[in-house]
Amino acid sequence: MVPITPEESLDLGHACLELAGFLSYFALFGALGFYFFVLRRTPGLHPSAPGPYATVFAVSERRASGVGLAGAVLFLFLFAVNVMNNRDHLPVLEALRNGGLRSLIPLVAGVLLLLAFSLSRLPGAWPGAWGLGGLAGIALALRNVVTGRWTAMVNPLHEVAASLWIGSLFVLLIAGLPAILRSSVPPDRRGPLLADLVARFSSLALGAAALLGVTGAVTAWRHLKYVAALWTTPYGYAFDLKMLFVLIVVALGAWNWRRMRPRLPLDLEGEGAVEALRRSAKRELLFAAVVLVITAVLVSLPAPQLPAP
């Protein structure tokens, strides 16, 4: 084992802030991903659908917006903390001014997301509330485009991809599935409806996982710098541990997609396949939470430096 030098020691406070930032992203983009790519694309679920189906849509939408609202509040709180604790110890307004568009875009996007999720929860909500949230989410994901460097886009897109996958899975479990199982939808229609909902999520998860893999490979190459860093540096140890748990999450997701999802149309009362899928998805979320903790530690460690000649 290589001893950890003071320069390589872990900043626990920074790791906790990073973890909180990941959670805010998962809530924000999990809610947006679930609404735009899962709920709205599920056949038979829309506000003008027959009675129980419209109710399922409304309940799912409201619970998703609650998750997004919590994420927006946490995001703005962390933004304020980071601005007040800027490394140059500048006053807040001066720090914002010095940050330029890189500070202004996240602030405006966070406020718009807070407004959008709040409006979507009101009775007779403004129909464009979710659209406003979607545009704010895109601006937040692409905020580093103002730097003019494509490498600055990699980390935000990596976080968004992970959030669309795992965050949407979380919203699916607490919003979509319970809304159907506890609804007055005829029992013989619940299984097929659940299968359609999960199929839309699977499409989103596959696309997000592909983007996650590409951006993750680029990020790893940029930070590790040389292969031996994987087994000779604290950063490498944390990265290896993260990849181990990532593989577990991928394996559980593949199991749900290949084995559990096809059984849903045959499950009429919320027993059997639905409960098995829910248990497996909870395990997937548990291991994903471990990945988040390890990632917070990883980004709080200095990246390896090329060894001296």
Protein backbone atom coordinates (compact mmCIF):
# COMPACT_ATOMS: atom_id res chain seq x y z
CA MET A 1 0.00 0.00 0.00
CA VAL A 2 1.16 3.53 -0.75
CA PRO A 3 0.99 5.86 2.27
CA ILE A 4 -1.32 8.84 1.91
CA THR A 5 0.54 12.13 2.06
CA PRO A 6 -1.03 15.30 3.53
CA GLU A 7 -1.65 16.55 -0.02
CA GLU A 8 -3.65 13.37 -0.73
CA SER A 9 -5.73 13.38 2.46
CA LEU A 10 -9.51 13.45 2.25
CA ASP A 11 -11.40 16.68 2.83
CA LEU A 12 -14.50 15.30 4.59
CA GLY A 13 -16.42 18.58 4.43
CA HIS A 14 -15.86 18.84 0.69
CA ALA A 15 -16.94 15.22 0.24
CA CYS A 16 -20.19 15.86 2.12
CA LEU A 17 -20.94 18.91 -0.06
CA GLU A 18 -20.23 16.89 -3.19
CA LEU A 19 -22.56 14.13 -1.99
CA ALA A 20 -25.32 16.65 -1.31
CA GLY A 21 -24.76 18.11 -4.78
CA PHE A 22 -25.15 14.67 -6.36
CA LEU A 23 -28.40 14.14 -4.46
CA SER A 24 -29.79 17.47 -5.69
CA TYR A 25 -28.98 16.48 -9.28
CA PHE A 26 -30.58 13.06 -8.86
CA ALA A 27 -33.76 14.66 -7.54
CA LEU A 28 -33.90 17.35 -10.24
CA PHE A 29 -33.11 15.24 -13.28
CA GLY A 30 -34.81 12.17 -11.86
CA ALA A 31 -38.08 14.11 -11.71
CA LEU A 32 -37.60 15.64 -15.15
CA GLY A 33 -36.54 12.33 -16.71
CA PHE A 34 -39.48 10.47 -15.21
CA TYR A 35 -42.01 13.06 -16.34
CA PHE A 36 -40.78 13.65 -19.90
CA PHE A 37 -39.42 10.22 -20.84
CA VAL A 38 -41.53 7.82 -18.78
CA LEU A 39 -44.87 9.21 -17.61
CA ARG A 40 -45.76 11.27 -20.68
CA ARG A 41 -44.73 8.49 -23.06
CA THR A 42 -46.69 5.70 -21.40
CA PRO A 43 -49.74 4.86 -23.56
CA GLY A 44 -53.02 5.55 -21.82
CA LEU A 45 -51.61 7.90 -19.17
CA HIS A 46 -52.40 11.57 -19.74
CA PRO A 47 -54.58 14.24 -18.10
CA SER A 48 -57.51 13.69 -20.48
CA ALA A 49 -57.52 9.88 -20.13
CA PRO A 50 -60.54 8.07 -18.63
CA GLY A 51 -61.05 8.55 -14.86
CA PRO A 52 -58.60 6.19 -13.09
CA TYR A 53 -55.88 6.64 -15.72
CA ALA A 54 -56.01 10.43 -15.39
CA THR A 55 -55.79 9.98 -11.62
CA VAL A 56 -52.69 7.79 -11.98
CA PHE A 57 -51.11 10.47 -14.17
CA ALA A 58 -51.97 13.27 -11.72
CA VAL A 59 -50.71 11.37 -8.64
CA SER A 60 -47.48 10.35 -10.38
CA GLU A 61 -46.91 13.88 -11.65
CA ARG A 62 -47.47 15.43 -8.23
CA ARG A 63 -45.10 13.04 -6.48
CA ALA A 64 -42.45 13.57 -9.16
CA SER A 65 -42.75 17.34 -8.81
CA GLY A 66 -42.30 16.97 -5.04
CA VAL A 67 -38.99 15.18 -5.60
CA GLY A 68 -37.92 17.85 -8.08
CA LEU A 69 -38.90 20.64 -5.70
CA ALA A 70 -36.78 19.12 -2.92
CA GLY A 71 -33.87 18.88 -5.37
CA ALA A 72 -34.25 22.54 -6.41
CA VAL A 73 -34.25 23.71 -2.79
CA LEU A 74 -31.14 21.66 -2.01
CA PHE A 75 -29.40 22.85 -5.19
CA LEU A 76 -29.98 26.54 -4.41
CA PHE A 77 -28.88 26.04 -0.79
CA LEU A 78 -25.62 24.43 -1.92
CA PHE A 79 -25.12 27.16 -4.52
CA ALA A 80 -25.42 29.78 -1.78
CA VAL A 81 -22.98 27.88 0.45
CA ASN A 82 -20.42 27.64 -2.34
CA VAL A 83 -20.71 31.34 -3.19
CA MET A 84 -20.38 32.43 0.43
CA ASN A 85 -17.37 30.14 0.95
CA ASN A 86 -15.57 31.09 -2.26
CA ARG A 87 -11.83 30.48 -2.18
CA ASP A 88 -10.97 34.18 -2.52
CA HIS A 89 -13.22 35.12 0.46
CA LEU A 90 -15.02 37.74 -1.60
CA PRO A 91 -18.42 39.26 -0.71
CA VAL A 92 -21.34 37.38 -2.24
CA LEU A 93 -22.22 39.95 -4.93
CA GLU A 94 -18.60 40.38 -5.94
CA ALA A 95 -18.11 36.61 -6.12
CA LEU A 96 -21.17 36.30 -8.37
CA ARG A 97 -19.94 39.12 -10.57
CA ASN A 98 -16.49 37.58 -10.88
CA GLY A 99 -18.05 34.22 -11.75
CA GLY A 100 -19.80 35.71 -14.77
CA LEU A 101 -22.05 33.41 -16.76
CA ARG A 102 -20.64 30.32 -15.05
CA SER A 103 -22.25 31.56 -11.83
CA LEU A 104 -25.27 33.27 -13.33
CA ILE A 105 -26.54 30.31 -15.38
CA PRO A 106 -26.76 27.82 -12.45
CA LEU A 107 -28.40 30.49 -10.28
CA VAL A 108 -31.05 31.38 -12.86
CA ALA A 109 -31.62 27.71 -13.75
CA GLY A 110 -32.02 26.78 -10.07
CA VAL A 111 -34.55 29.57 -9.48
CA LEU A 112 -36.51 28.60 -12.61
CA LEU A 113 -36.54 24.94 -11.54
CA LEU A 114 -37.80 25.93 -8.09
CA LEU A 115 -40.53 28.05 -9.71
CA ALA A 116 -41.46 25.35 -12.23
CA PHE A 117 -41.83 22.55 -9.68
CA SER A 118 -43.75 24.85 -7.33
CA LEU A 119 -46.18 25.87 -10.07
CA SER A 120 -46.69 22.27 -11.17
CA ARG A 121 -47.95 21.38 -7.69
CA LEU A 122 -50.65 24.06 -7.56
CA PRO A 123 -54.29 23.19 -8.29
CA GLY A 124 -55.02 23.98 -11.92
CA ALA A 125 -51.29 24.31 -12.55
CA TRP A 126 -49.96 26.30 -15.49
CA PRO A 127 -49.53 23.79 -18.36
CA GLY A 128 -46.10 25.16 -19.23
CA ALA A 129 -44.62 24.59 -15.76
CA TRP A 130 -42.93 21.33 -16.70
CA GLY A 131 -41.73 22.79 -19.99
CA LEU A 132 -40.10 25.65 -18.08
CA GLY A 133 -38.45 23.09 -15.80
CA GLY A 134 -37.19 21.12 -18.79
CA LEU A 135 -35.60 24.18 -20.39
CA ALA A 136 -33.99 25.15 -17.08
CA GLY A 137 -32.66 21.61 -16.72
CA ILE A 138 -31.09 21.73 -20.20
CA ALA A 139 -29.46 25.08 -19.37
CA LEU A 140 -28.09 23.63 -16.13
CA ALA A 141 -26.71 20.54 -17.87
CA LEU A 142 -25.03 22.60 -20.62
CA ARG A 143 -23.91 25.51 -18.44
CA ASN A 144 -20.21 24.91 -19.09
CA VAL A 145 -20.64 25.53 -22.81
CA VAL A 146 -19.82 29.17 -22.05
CA THR A 147 -16.23 28.16 -21.29
CA GLY A 148 -15.65 27.22 -24.92
CA ARG A 149 -13.89 23.99 -23.87
CA TRP A 150 -15.62 20.69 -24.67
CA THR A 151 -13.79 18.94 -21.81
CA ALA A 152 -15.65 21.19 -19.35
CA MET A 153 -18.89 19.60 -20.58
CA VAL A 154 -17.92 16.06 -19.60
CA ASN A 155 -18.49 16.15 -15.84
CA PRO A 156 -21.93 17.85 -15.95
CA LEU A 157 -23.13 15.44 -18.64
CA HIS A 158 -21.79 12.51 -16.59
CA GLU A 159 -23.80 13.68 -13.59
CA VAL A 160 -26.92 14.25 -15.69
CA ALA A 161 -26.68 10.77 -17.25
CA ALA A 162 -26.39 9.11 -13.84
CA SER A 163 -29.28 11.21 -12.53
CA LEU A 164 -31.54 10.34 -15.44
CA TRP A 165 -30.91 6.65 -14.82
CA ILE A 166 -30.90 6.25 -11.04
CA GLY A 167 -32.93 9.36 -10.20
CA SER A 168 -35.73 8.34 -12.56
CA LEU A 169 -35.68 4.83 -11.09
CA PHE A 170 -36.19 6.33 -7.63
CA VAL A 171 -39.13 8.45 -8.85
CA LEU A 172 -40.58 5.42 -10.64
CA LEU A 173 -40.54 3.46 -7.37
CA ILE A 174 -42.09 6.16 -5.19
CA ALA A 175 -44.43 7.73 -7.74
CA GLY A 176 -45.31 5.61 -10.77
CA LEU A 177 -45.63 2.10 -9.36
CA PRO A 178 -47.62 3.02 -6.20
CA ALA A 179 -49.94 5.29 -8.19
CA ILE A 180 -50.96 2.32 -10.40
CA LEU A 181 -51.09 -0.34 -7.70
CA ARG A 182 -53.28 1.80 -5.42
CA SER A 183 -55.54 3.12 -8.18
CA SER A 184 -58.98 2.02 -9.31
CA VAL A 185 -57.59 0.85 -12.65
CA PRO A 186 -59.20 -2.56 -13.45
CA PRO A 187 -56.99 -5.39 -12.11
CA ASP A 188 -56.61 -6.97 -15.53
CA ARG A 189 -55.13 -3.71 -16.86
CA ARG A 190 -52.64 -2.97 -14.07
CA GLY A 191 -50.02 -5.49 -15.19
CA PRO A 192 -49.90 -4.28 -18.83
CA LEU A 193 -49.91 -0.64 -17.67
CA LEU A 194 -47.01 -1.30 -15.30
CA ALA A 195 -45.17 -3.09 -18.11
CA ASP A 196 -45.60 -0.06 -20.40
CA LEU A 197 -44.37 2.30 -17.66
CA VAL A 198 -41.28 0.18 -16.94
CA ALA A 199 -40.59 -0.25 -20.67
CA ARG A 200 -40.41 3.54 -21.09
CA PHE A 201 -38.06 3.74 -18.12
CA SER A 202 -35.89 0.98 -19.58
CA SER A 203 -35.44 2.97 -22.79
CA LEU A 204 -34.40 6.01 -20.77
CA ALA A 205 -32.04 3.96 -18.60
CA LEU A 206 -30.31 2.37 -21.60
CA GLY A 207 -29.68 5.74 -23.24
CA ALA A 208 -28.50 7.29 -19.98
CA ALA A 209 -26.21 4.32 -19.28
CA ALA A 210 -24.59 4.68 -22.72
CA LEU A 211 -23.91 8.39 -22.11
CA LEU A 212 -22.70 7.57 -18.61
CA GLY A 213 -20.21 5.04 -19.97
CA VAL A 214 -18.75 7.42 -22.57
CA THR A 215 -18.43 10.40 -20.22
CA GLY A 216 -17.13 8.17 -17.44
CA ALA A 217 -14.36 6.78 -19.65
CA VAL A 218 -13.31 10.29 -20.70
CA THR A 219 -13.33 11.50 -17.08
CA ALA A 220 -11.29 8.53 -15.87
CA TRP A 221 -8.68 9.00 -18.61
CA ARG A 222 -8.34 12.73 -17.84
CA HIS A 223 -7.89 12.23 -14.09
CA LEU A 224 -5.92 9.00 -13.82
CA LYS A 225 -3.32 10.03 -16.44
CA TYR A 226 -1.48 6.68 -16.34
CA VAL A 227 -2.66 3.10 -15.88
CA ALA A 228 -0.49 2.29 -12.87
CA ALA A 229 -2.35 4.97 -10.90
CA LEU A 230 -5.17 2.42 -10.55
CA TRP A 231 -3.13 0.40 -8.05
CA THR A 232 -0.56 2.89 -6.75
CA THR A 233 -2.58 5.95 -5.65
CA PRO A 234 -5.44 6.64 -3.21
CA TYR A 235 -7.41 8.09 -6.13
CA GLY A 236 -6.94 4.84 -8.00
CA TYR A 237 -8.07 2.74 -5.02
CA ALA A 238 -11.27 4.80 -4.72
CA PHE A 239 -11.86 4.56 -8.46
CA ASP A 240 -11.44 0.76 -8.42
CA LEU A 241 -13.94 0.45 -5.56
CA LYS A 242 -16.39 2.70 -7.37
CA MET A 243 -16.19 0.61 -10.54
CA LEU A 244 -16.86 -2.56 -8.55
CA PHE A 245 -20.13 -1.19 -7.25
CA VAL A 246 -20.99 0.33 -10.64
CA LEU A 247 -20.76 -3.15 -12.13
CA ILE A 248 -23.13 -4.44 -9.44
CA VAL A 249 -25.64 -1.67 -10.28
CA VAL A 250 -25.35 -2.45 -14.00
CA ALA A 251 -25.87 -6.17 -13.33
CA LEU A 252 -28.99 -5.50 -11.25
CA GLY A 253 -30.35 -3.15 -13.93
CA ALA A 254 -29.75 -5.78 -16.61
CA TRP A 255 -31.48 -8.40 -14.46
CA ASN A 256 -34.53 -6.17 -14.04
CA TRP A 257 -34.62 -5.46 -17.77
CA ARG A 258 -34.15 -9.01 -19.04
CA ARG A 259 -35.90 -11.11 -16.38
CA MET A 260 -38.35 -9.00 -14.37
CA ARG A 261 -39.85 -6.65 -16.95
CA PRO A 262 -41.26 -9.40 -19.26
CA ARG A 263 -43.20 -10.87 -16.31
CA LEU A 264 -45.11 -7.66 -15.54
CA PRO A 265 -47.95 -8.04 -18.11
CA LEU A 266 -48.89 -11.31 -16.38
CA ASP A 267 -49.02 -9.71 -12.93
CA LEU A 268 -52.54 -8.43 -12.36
CA GLU A 269 -52.79 -7.64 -8.66
CA GLY A 270 -49.42 -6.18 -7.73
CA GLU A 271 -48.10 -9.51 -6.45
CA GLY A 272 -45.33 -11.73 -7.71
CA ALA A 273 -43.42 -10.03 -10.52
CA VAL A 274 -44.19 -6.47 -9.42
CA GLU A 275 -43.01 -7.08 -5.86
CA ALA A 276 -39.93 -8.92 -7.10
CA LEU A 277 -39.12 -6.04 -9.44
CA ARG A 278 -39.58 -3.55 -6.63
CA ARG A 279 -37.23 -5.46 -4.32
CA SER A 280 -34.60 -5.76 -7.04
CA ALA A 281 -34.90 -2.06 -7.91
CA LYS A 282 -34.45 -1.13 -4.25
CA ARG A 283 -31.23 -3.14 -4.17
CA GLU A 284 -30.14 -1.32 -7.31
CA LEU A 285 -30.80 2.01 -5.60
CA LEU A 286 -28.94 0.87 -2.48
CA PHE A 287 -25.79 -0.01 -4.41
CA ALA A 288 -26.17 3.22 -6.43
CA ALA A 289 -26.16 5.13 -3.13
CA VAL A 290 -22.87 3.42 -2.25
CA VAL A 291 -21.50 4.52 -5.64
CA LEU A 292 -22.52 8.10 -4.80
CA VAL A 293 -20.70 8.04 -1.48
CA ILE A 294 -17.55 6.62 -3.08
CA THR A 295 -17.75 9.19 -5.88
CA ALA A 296 -18.01 12.02 -3.33
CA VAL A 297 -14.83 10.70 -1.73
CA LEU A 298 -13.18 10.26 -5.13
CA VAL A 299 -13.74 13.84 -6.30
CA SER A 300 -12.45 15.11 -2.94
CA LEU A 301 -9.08 13.43 -3.51
CA PRO A 302 -6.44 15.07 -5.71
CA ALA A 303 -6.01 13.45 -9.09
CA PRO A 304 -2.77 11.48 -9.56
CA GLN A 305 0.23 13.31 -10.95
CA LEU A 306 2.50 11.88 -13.59
CA PRO A 307 5.57 10.37 -11.91
CA ALA A 308 8.80 12.31 -12.26
CA PRO A 309 11.23 11.01 -14.90
